[in-house]
N, C-alpha and C. Protein backbone atom coordinates (compact mmCIF):
# COMPACT_ATOMS: atom_id res chain seq x y z
N MET A 1 -28.45 42.40 24.15
CA MET A 1 -27.92 42.41 22.84
C MET A 1 -28.12 41.03 22.22
N THR A 2 -28.54 41.04 21.05
CA THR A 2 -28.83 39.80 20.33
C THR A 2 -27.79 39.60 19.25
N VAL A 3 -27.48 38.37 19.06
CA VAL A 3 -26.52 38.02 18.02
C VAL A 3 -27.29 37.68 16.78
N SER A 4 -26.87 38.18 15.71
CA SER A 4 -27.60 37.90 14.48
C SER A 4 -27.22 36.53 13.93
N GLN A 5 -28.19 35.87 13.43
CA GLN A 5 -28.01 34.53 12.86
C GLN A 5 -27.81 34.65 11.36
N PRO A 6 -27.02 33.73 10.78
CA PRO A 6 -26.90 33.78 9.32
C PRO A 6 -28.23 33.42 8.69
N PRO A 7 -28.46 33.88 7.52
CA PRO A 7 -29.73 33.58 6.88
C PRO A 7 -29.86 32.09 6.57
N LEU A 8 -31.06 31.58 6.61
CA LEU A 8 -31.32 30.18 6.32
C LEU A 8 -31.25 29.93 4.82
N GLU A 9 -30.76 28.75 4.51
CA GLU A 9 -30.69 28.40 3.09
C GLU A 9 -32.04 27.87 2.67
N PRO A 10 -32.36 28.09 1.42
CA PRO A 10 -33.64 27.54 0.96
C PRO A 10 -33.57 26.01 0.91
N MET A 11 -34.71 25.34 1.11
CA MET A 11 -34.76 23.88 1.09
C MET A 11 -34.55 23.35 -0.31
N ARG A 12 -33.82 22.28 -0.36
CA ARG A 12 -33.58 21.64 -1.65
C ARG A 12 -34.63 20.57 -1.85
N PRO A 13 -34.95 20.26 -3.06
CA PRO A 13 -35.91 19.17 -3.29
C PRO A 13 -35.29 17.82 -2.91
N VAL A 14 -36.10 16.96 -2.32
CA VAL A 14 -35.63 15.65 -1.89
C VAL A 14 -35.59 14.73 -3.08
N GLU A 15 -34.45 14.04 -3.21
CA GLU A 15 -34.33 13.10 -4.32
C GLU A 15 -35.12 11.84 -3.97
N GLN A 16 -35.72 11.29 -4.98
CA GLN A 16 -36.47 10.06 -4.74
C GLN A 16 -35.48 8.92 -4.54
N LEU A 17 -35.78 8.12 -3.51
CA LEU A 17 -34.92 6.98 -3.25
C LEU A 17 -35.28 5.86 -4.21
N ARG A 18 -34.30 5.33 -4.82
CA ARG A 18 -34.53 4.23 -5.75
C ARG A 18 -34.15 2.92 -5.09
N ARG A 19 -34.98 1.96 -5.27
CA ARG A 19 -34.65 0.63 -4.77
C ARG A 19 -33.69 -0.03 -5.75
N PRO A 20 -32.66 -0.65 -5.16
CA PRO A 20 -31.76 -1.34 -6.09
C PRO A 20 -32.45 -2.57 -6.66
N LYS A 21 -32.10 -2.88 -7.85
CA LYS A 21 -32.70 -4.05 -8.49
C LYS A 21 -32.16 -5.30 -7.79
N GLU A 22 -33.10 -6.20 -7.48
CA GLU A 22 -32.71 -7.43 -6.80
C GLU A 22 -32.06 -8.37 -7.81
N ALA A 23 -30.93 -8.87 -7.39
CA ALA A 23 -30.24 -9.81 -8.26
C ALA A 23 -30.84 -11.19 -8.01
N ARG A 24 -31.54 -11.69 -8.94
CA ARG A 24 -32.17 -13.00 -8.79
C ARG A 24 -31.24 -14.07 -9.31
N SER A 25 -31.11 -15.10 -8.47
CA SER A 25 -30.27 -16.21 -8.86
C SER A 25 -31.15 -17.31 -9.42
N ARG A 26 -30.62 -18.00 -10.36
CA ARG A 26 -31.37 -19.13 -10.91
C ARG A 26 -31.21 -20.37 -10.02
N ARG A 27 -30.31 -20.30 -9.09
CA ARG A 27 -30.06 -21.42 -8.21
C ARG A 27 -31.07 -21.40 -7.06
N ARG A 28 -31.61 -22.56 -6.69
CA ARG A 28 -32.56 -22.64 -5.59
C ARG A 28 -31.83 -22.51 -4.26
N ILE A 29 -32.58 -22.10 -3.27
CA ILE A 29 -31.97 -21.96 -1.94
C ILE A 29 -31.57 -23.32 -1.39
N LEU A 30 -32.41 -24.33 -1.55
CA LEU A 30 -32.13 -25.68 -1.05
C LEU A 30 -31.88 -26.58 -2.24
N SER A 31 -30.62 -26.85 -2.51
CA SER A 31 -30.28 -27.68 -3.66
C SER A 31 -30.28 -29.15 -3.26
N TRP A 32 -30.35 -30.04 -4.22
CA TRP A 32 -30.39 -31.47 -3.94
C TRP A 32 -29.14 -31.98 -3.23
N PRO A 33 -27.94 -31.63 -3.64
CA PRO A 33 -26.78 -32.13 -2.88
C PRO A 33 -26.79 -31.65 -1.42
N PHE A 34 -27.21 -30.42 -1.21
CA PHE A 34 -27.28 -29.91 0.16
C PHE A 34 -28.34 -30.67 0.96
N ALA A 35 -29.48 -30.94 0.36
CA ALA A 35 -30.56 -31.66 1.05
C ALA A 35 -30.12 -33.09 1.39
N TRP A 36 -29.46 -33.76 0.46
CA TRP A 36 -28.98 -35.12 0.72
C TRP A 36 -27.92 -35.12 1.82
N GLY A 37 -27.03 -34.16 1.80
CA GLY A 37 -26.01 -34.06 2.83
C GLY A 37 -26.62 -33.78 4.20
N LEU A 38 -27.62 -32.92 4.23
CA LEU A 38 -28.29 -32.61 5.49
C LEU A 38 -29.01 -33.85 6.03
N ALA A 39 -29.72 -34.56 5.18
CA ALA A 39 -30.43 -35.76 5.61
C ALA A 39 -29.46 -36.84 6.08
N LEU A 40 -28.36 -37.02 5.36
CA LEU A 40 -27.37 -38.02 5.74
C LEU A 40 -26.71 -37.65 7.07
N GLY A 41 -26.40 -36.38 7.26
CA GLY A 41 -25.80 -35.94 8.51
C GLY A 41 -26.73 -36.10 9.70
N LEU A 42 -28.01 -35.77 9.52
CA LEU A 42 -28.98 -35.95 10.61
C LEU A 42 -29.16 -37.42 10.96
N SER A 43 -29.22 -38.29 9.94
CA SER A 43 -29.38 -39.73 10.22
C SER A 43 -28.15 -40.29 10.92
N ALA A 44 -26.96 -39.90 10.47
CA ALA A 44 -25.74 -40.40 11.12
C ALA A 44 -25.66 -39.90 12.56
N GLY A 45 -26.03 -38.66 12.80
CA GLY A 45 -26.02 -38.13 14.17
C GLY A 45 -27.00 -38.85 15.07
N ALA A 46 -28.19 -39.15 14.57
CA ALA A 46 -29.18 -39.89 15.36
C ALA A 46 -28.69 -41.30 15.66
N LEU A 47 -28.08 -41.95 14.67
CA LEU A 47 -27.57 -43.31 14.86
C LEU A 47 -26.46 -43.35 15.92
N VAL A 48 -25.54 -42.40 15.85
CA VAL A 48 -24.46 -42.35 16.83
C VAL A 48 -25.01 -42.08 18.23
N THR A 49 -26.01 -41.23 18.35
CA THR A 49 -26.61 -40.94 19.65
C THR A 49 -27.29 -42.17 20.23
N VAL A 50 -28.02 -42.90 19.42
CA VAL A 50 -28.71 -44.11 19.90
C VAL A 50 -27.70 -45.16 20.34
N VAL A 51 -26.66 -45.39 19.55
CA VAL A 51 -25.65 -46.39 19.89
C VAL A 51 -24.95 -46.01 21.19
N ALA A 52 -24.61 -44.73 21.36
CA ALA A 52 -23.94 -44.29 22.58
C ALA A 52 -24.85 -44.45 23.80
N ALA A 53 -26.12 -44.10 23.65
CA ALA A 53 -27.06 -44.22 24.78
C ALA A 53 -27.26 -45.67 25.18
N VAL A 54 -27.40 -46.56 24.21
CA VAL A 54 -27.60 -47.98 24.52
C VAL A 54 -26.36 -48.56 25.18
N SER A 55 -25.18 -48.23 24.67
CA SER A 55 -23.97 -48.80 25.25
C SER A 55 -23.70 -48.26 26.65
N LEU A 56 -24.09 -47.03 26.94
CA LEU A 56 -23.85 -46.47 28.26
C LEU A 56 -24.81 -47.03 29.31
N PHE A 57 -26.05 -47.30 28.92
CA PHE A 57 -27.05 -47.73 29.90
C PHE A 57 -27.29 -49.23 29.92
N MET A 58 -26.60 -50.01 29.08
CA MET A 58 -26.81 -51.45 29.03
C MET A 58 -26.13 -52.11 30.24
N HIS A 59 -26.81 -53.06 30.84
CA HIS A 59 -26.29 -53.75 32.02
C HIS A 59 -25.59 -55.04 31.58
N HIS A 60 -24.52 -55.36 32.27
CA HIS A 60 -23.79 -56.61 32.06
C HIS A 60 -23.84 -57.38 33.37
N THR A 61 -24.14 -58.68 33.30
CA THR A 61 -24.25 -59.51 34.49
C THR A 61 -23.15 -60.56 34.48
N ASP A 62 -22.38 -60.61 35.56
CA ASP A 62 -21.30 -61.59 35.71
C ASP A 62 -21.55 -62.40 36.97
N THR A 63 -21.22 -63.70 36.92
CA THR A 63 -21.32 -64.54 38.11
C THR A 63 -20.03 -64.40 38.91
N VAL A 64 -20.16 -63.99 40.16
CA VAL A 64 -18.99 -63.78 41.01
C VAL A 64 -18.59 -65.10 41.67
N ARG A 65 -19.57 -65.80 42.26
CA ARG A 65 -19.27 -67.05 42.96
C ARG A 65 -20.51 -67.91 43.01
N ILE A 66 -20.30 -69.24 43.00
CA ILE A 66 -21.41 -70.19 43.08
C ILE A 66 -21.22 -71.04 44.34
N TYR A 67 -22.30 -71.15 45.13
CA TYR A 67 -22.30 -71.96 46.34
C TYR A 67 -23.25 -73.14 46.10
N PRO A 68 -22.74 -74.32 45.72
CA PRO A 68 -23.64 -75.46 45.49
C PRO A 68 -24.10 -76.10 46.80
N THR A 69 -25.23 -76.82 46.73
CA THR A 69 -25.72 -77.56 47.90
C THR A 69 -24.95 -78.88 47.97
N TRP A 70 -25.23 -79.65 49.06
CA TRP A 70 -24.53 -80.92 49.22
C TRP A 70 -24.88 -81.89 48.11
N GLY A 71 -26.11 -81.90 47.66
CA GLY A 71 -26.51 -82.83 46.60
C GLY A 71 -26.05 -82.38 45.21
N GLY A 72 -25.80 -81.11 45.06
CA GLY A 72 -25.31 -80.60 43.78
C GLY A 72 -26.41 -80.28 42.78
N THR A 73 -27.68 -80.42 43.18
CA THR A 73 -28.77 -80.13 42.24
C THR A 73 -29.18 -78.67 42.30
N TYR A 74 -29.01 -78.04 43.44
CA TYR A 74 -29.36 -76.63 43.60
C TYR A 74 -28.11 -75.85 44.03
N ALA A 75 -28.18 -74.51 43.81
CA ALA A 75 -27.04 -73.68 44.18
C ALA A 75 -27.50 -72.26 44.41
N ALA A 76 -26.61 -71.50 45.04
CA ALA A 76 -26.79 -70.06 45.20
C ALA A 76 -25.65 -69.40 44.44
N ALA A 77 -25.97 -68.50 43.54
CA ALA A 77 -24.96 -67.81 42.76
C ALA A 77 -25.02 -66.33 43.07
N VAL A 78 -23.87 -65.75 43.40
CA VAL A 78 -23.77 -64.30 43.60
C VAL A 78 -23.42 -63.70 42.25
N LYS A 79 -24.27 -62.80 41.77
CA LYS A 79 -24.06 -62.18 40.46
C LYS A 79 -23.93 -60.67 40.62
N ARG A 80 -23.05 -60.11 39.80
CA ARG A 80 -22.81 -58.66 39.80
C ARG A 80 -23.42 -58.07 38.54
N THR A 81 -24.26 -57.06 38.70
CA THR A 81 -24.84 -56.34 37.58
C THR A 81 -24.09 -55.03 37.44
N HIS A 82 -23.45 -54.86 36.29
CA HIS A 82 -22.58 -53.70 36.07
C HIS A 82 -23.13 -52.83 34.95
N SER A 83 -23.11 -51.52 35.15
CA SER A 83 -23.48 -50.54 34.13
C SER A 83 -22.46 -49.42 34.18
N ARG A 84 -22.12 -48.84 33.05
CA ARG A 84 -21.14 -47.76 33.01
C ARG A 84 -21.66 -46.49 33.69
N MET A 85 -22.97 -46.34 33.74
CA MET A 85 -23.55 -45.11 34.29
C MET A 85 -24.06 -45.27 35.73
N ASP A 86 -23.88 -46.45 36.32
CA ASP A 86 -24.45 -46.70 37.64
C ASP A 86 -23.44 -47.50 38.46
N ILE A 87 -23.68 -47.60 39.76
CA ILE A 87 -22.80 -48.39 40.60
C ILE A 87 -23.16 -49.86 40.45
N ASP A 88 -22.25 -50.73 40.83
CA ASP A 88 -22.49 -52.16 40.72
C ASP A 88 -23.54 -52.60 41.74
N ALA A 89 -24.40 -53.50 41.30
CA ALA A 89 -25.42 -54.08 42.18
C ALA A 89 -25.18 -55.59 42.24
N TYR A 90 -25.37 -56.15 43.41
CA TYR A 90 -25.15 -57.59 43.59
C TYR A 90 -26.48 -58.27 43.92
N GLU A 91 -26.62 -59.49 43.39
CA GLU A 91 -27.83 -60.29 43.61
C GLU A 91 -27.42 -61.72 43.94
N VAL A 92 -28.28 -62.40 44.68
CA VAL A 92 -28.11 -63.83 44.93
C VAL A 92 -29.23 -64.54 44.20
N TRP A 93 -28.86 -65.49 43.34
CA TRP A 93 -29.84 -66.28 42.60
C TRP A 93 -29.87 -67.67 43.24
N LEU A 94 -31.03 -68.08 43.70
CA LEU A 94 -31.22 -69.40 44.30
C LEU A 94 -32.04 -70.23 43.31
N GLY A 95 -31.46 -71.35 42.84
CA GLY A 95 -32.19 -72.16 41.88
C GLY A 95 -31.42 -73.40 41.49
N PRO A 96 -31.90 -74.10 40.47
CA PRO A 96 -31.25 -75.33 40.04
C PRO A 96 -29.87 -75.04 39.43
N LEU A 97 -28.94 -75.96 39.66
CA LEU A 97 -27.57 -75.81 39.16
C LEU A 97 -27.43 -76.55 37.84
N PHE A 98 -27.04 -75.83 36.82
CA PHE A 98 -26.76 -76.40 35.51
C PHE A 98 -25.27 -76.30 35.25
N GLU A 99 -24.81 -76.83 34.12
CA GLU A 99 -23.39 -76.74 33.78
C GLU A 99 -22.95 -75.29 33.61
N SER A 100 -23.86 -74.45 33.13
CA SER A 100 -23.52 -73.05 32.91
C SER A 100 -23.71 -72.20 34.16
N GLY A 101 -24.20 -72.78 35.23
CA GLY A 101 -24.42 -72.04 36.47
C GLY A 101 -25.90 -72.00 36.81
N VAL A 102 -26.29 -71.03 37.58
CA VAL A 102 -27.70 -70.84 37.96
C VAL A 102 -28.29 -69.82 36.99
N SER A 103 -29.10 -70.31 36.07
CA SER A 103 -29.65 -69.42 35.04
C SER A 103 -31.07 -68.94 35.37
N ARG A 104 -31.73 -69.60 36.31
CA ARG A 104 -33.07 -69.15 36.72
C ARG A 104 -33.26 -69.52 38.19
N GLY A 105 -34.25 -68.90 38.79
CA GLY A 105 -34.52 -69.18 40.18
C GLY A 105 -35.02 -67.94 40.90
N HIS A 106 -34.95 -67.97 42.21
CA HIS A 106 -35.41 -66.86 43.03
C HIS A 106 -34.25 -65.86 43.17
N VAL A 107 -34.53 -64.58 42.88
CA VAL A 107 -33.48 -63.55 42.89
C VAL A 107 -33.67 -62.64 44.10
N ILE A 108 -32.57 -62.42 44.83
CA ILE A 108 -32.57 -61.56 46.01
C ILE A 108 -31.51 -60.50 45.79
N THR A 109 -31.88 -59.24 45.89
CA THR A 109 -30.92 -58.14 45.76
C THR A 109 -30.23 -57.92 47.10
N ILE A 110 -28.89 -57.87 47.06
CA ILE A 110 -28.11 -57.63 48.27
C ILE A 110 -28.10 -56.12 48.53
N PRO A 111 -28.52 -55.68 49.71
CA PRO A 111 -28.53 -54.25 50.01
C PRO A 111 -27.11 -53.66 49.98
N LEU A 112 -27.03 -52.38 49.64
CA LEU A 112 -25.73 -51.70 49.62
C LEU A 112 -25.14 -51.68 51.02
N GLY A 113 -23.85 -51.88 51.11
CA GLY A 113 -23.18 -51.88 52.40
C GLY A 113 -23.07 -53.26 53.03
N TRP A 114 -23.77 -54.24 52.48
CA TRP A 114 -23.66 -55.60 52.99
C TRP A 114 -22.57 -56.32 52.21
N SER A 115 -22.02 -57.34 52.81
CA SER A 115 -20.98 -58.14 52.16
C SER A 115 -21.55 -58.86 50.94
N THR A 116 -20.70 -59.11 49.98
CA THR A 116 -21.15 -59.83 48.78
C THR A 116 -20.84 -61.32 48.87
N GLU A 117 -20.39 -61.77 50.05
CA GLU A 117 -20.09 -63.19 50.26
C GLU A 117 -20.93 -63.69 51.44
N PRO A 118 -22.16 -64.13 51.16
CA PRO A 118 -23.02 -64.58 52.26
C PRO A 118 -22.64 -65.98 52.74
N ARG A 119 -23.01 -66.28 53.97
CA ARG A 119 -22.95 -67.65 54.49
C ARG A 119 -24.35 -68.22 54.27
N ILE A 120 -24.42 -69.36 53.60
CA ILE A 120 -25.72 -69.90 53.19
C ILE A 120 -25.99 -71.20 53.93
N ASP A 121 -27.14 -71.28 54.57
CA ASP A 121 -27.59 -72.49 55.25
C ASP A 121 -28.82 -73.02 54.51
N TRP A 122 -28.68 -74.23 53.96
CA TRP A 122 -29.79 -74.88 53.26
C TRP A 122 -30.50 -75.79 54.26
N ASN A 123 -31.68 -75.40 54.68
CA ASN A 123 -32.48 -76.21 55.59
C ASN A 123 -33.63 -76.85 54.81
N ARG A 124 -34.38 -77.69 55.49
CA ARG A 124 -35.51 -78.35 54.83
C ARG A 124 -36.60 -77.37 54.45
N ASP A 125 -36.90 -76.40 55.32
CA ASP A 125 -37.98 -75.46 55.08
C ASP A 125 -37.53 -74.09 54.61
N MET A 126 -36.27 -73.76 54.85
CA MET A 126 -35.83 -72.38 54.66
C MET A 126 -34.38 -72.35 54.17
N VAL A 127 -34.08 -71.37 53.29
CA VAL A 127 -32.70 -71.06 52.92
C VAL A 127 -32.36 -69.75 53.62
N VAL A 128 -31.30 -69.77 54.42
CA VAL A 128 -30.94 -68.60 55.22
C VAL A 128 -29.63 -68.03 54.68
N LEU A 129 -29.66 -66.75 54.33
CA LEU A 129 -28.47 -66.04 53.86
C LEU A 129 -28.03 -65.10 54.97
N ARG A 130 -26.80 -65.26 55.45
CA ARG A 130 -26.27 -64.40 56.51
C ARG A 130 -25.12 -63.58 55.95
N PHE A 131 -25.16 -62.28 56.25
CA PHE A 131 -24.15 -61.35 55.73
C PHE A 131 -23.35 -60.77 56.88
N ASP A 132 -22.16 -60.22 56.57
CA ASP A 132 -21.22 -59.74 57.58
C ASP A 132 -21.76 -58.69 58.55
N PRO A 133 -22.46 -57.65 58.14
CA PRO A 133 -22.85 -56.68 59.16
C PRO A 133 -23.97 -57.17 60.07
N GLY A 134 -24.33 -58.45 59.98
CA GLY A 134 -25.39 -58.97 60.84
C GLY A 134 -26.72 -59.12 60.13
N GLY A 135 -26.76 -58.81 58.84
CA GLY A 135 -28.00 -58.95 58.08
C GLY A 135 -28.32 -60.40 57.78
N GLU A 136 -29.60 -60.67 57.68
CA GLU A 136 -30.03 -62.04 57.41
C GLU A 136 -31.27 -62.00 56.52
N ILE A 137 -31.27 -62.84 55.51
CA ILE A 137 -32.42 -62.94 54.60
C ILE A 137 -32.85 -64.39 54.59
N ARG A 138 -34.15 -64.61 54.80
CA ARG A 138 -34.71 -65.96 54.81
C ARG A 138 -35.64 -66.13 53.61
N VAL A 139 -35.44 -67.23 52.91
CA VAL A 139 -36.25 -67.53 51.72
C VAL A 139 -36.84 -68.92 51.92
N PRO A 140 -38.15 -69.08 51.77
CA PRO A 140 -38.74 -70.42 51.87
C PRO A 140 -38.20 -71.34 50.77
N THR A 141 -37.96 -72.58 51.10
CA THR A 141 -37.41 -73.54 50.15
C THR A 141 -38.36 -73.75 48.97
N ALA A 142 -39.64 -73.57 49.20
CA ALA A 142 -40.63 -73.73 48.11
C ALA A 142 -40.39 -72.70 47.00
N MET A 143 -39.81 -71.55 47.34
CA MET A 143 -39.52 -70.53 46.32
C MET A 143 -38.32 -70.91 45.47
N VAL A 144 -37.48 -71.80 45.99
CA VAL A 144 -36.24 -72.16 45.31
C VAL A 144 -36.41 -73.42 44.47
N LEU A 145 -37.27 -74.31 44.89
CA LEU A 145 -37.42 -75.59 44.19
C LEU A 145 -37.91 -75.39 42.78
N ASP A 146 -37.34 -76.15 41.87
CA ASP A 146 -37.70 -76.06 40.45
C ASP A 146 -38.90 -76.96 40.20
N THR A 147 -40.02 -76.39 39.78
CA THR A 147 -41.24 -77.16 39.54
C THR A 147 -41.51 -77.33 38.05
N ARG A 148 -40.54 -77.09 37.23
CA ARG A 148 -40.75 -77.27 35.77
C ARG A 148 -40.63 -78.70 35.38
């Protein structure tokens, strides 16, 4: 047995779709005040980024202790190099002693884990730096003498 279906309705004509009229603005998409504000904001952001990067990665050097020789013309200065983004590094500067300290000379980096207070022996041929864990660094005196 079949069920009868209702009769189909005739097709209606399709209405044409109309595009809505585009509302055109007389105002430009990128106006001058907006462009100036964008440029000013980008420049200020770049400036702040550069200043922050330089201040974070800049090293500061402080003199921890000065060990003068018997004559007082030469000295060994232990200096600490500090950076906000890195651990402190220590160096020994061997050179002429001025009123402001040892500003130039032979620089030796102290290895990590060694004491920052060396025992220094000034000999005729060699400057010997001895550290607590048994480390020893020898520097020829010719490297320390100021030839300027």
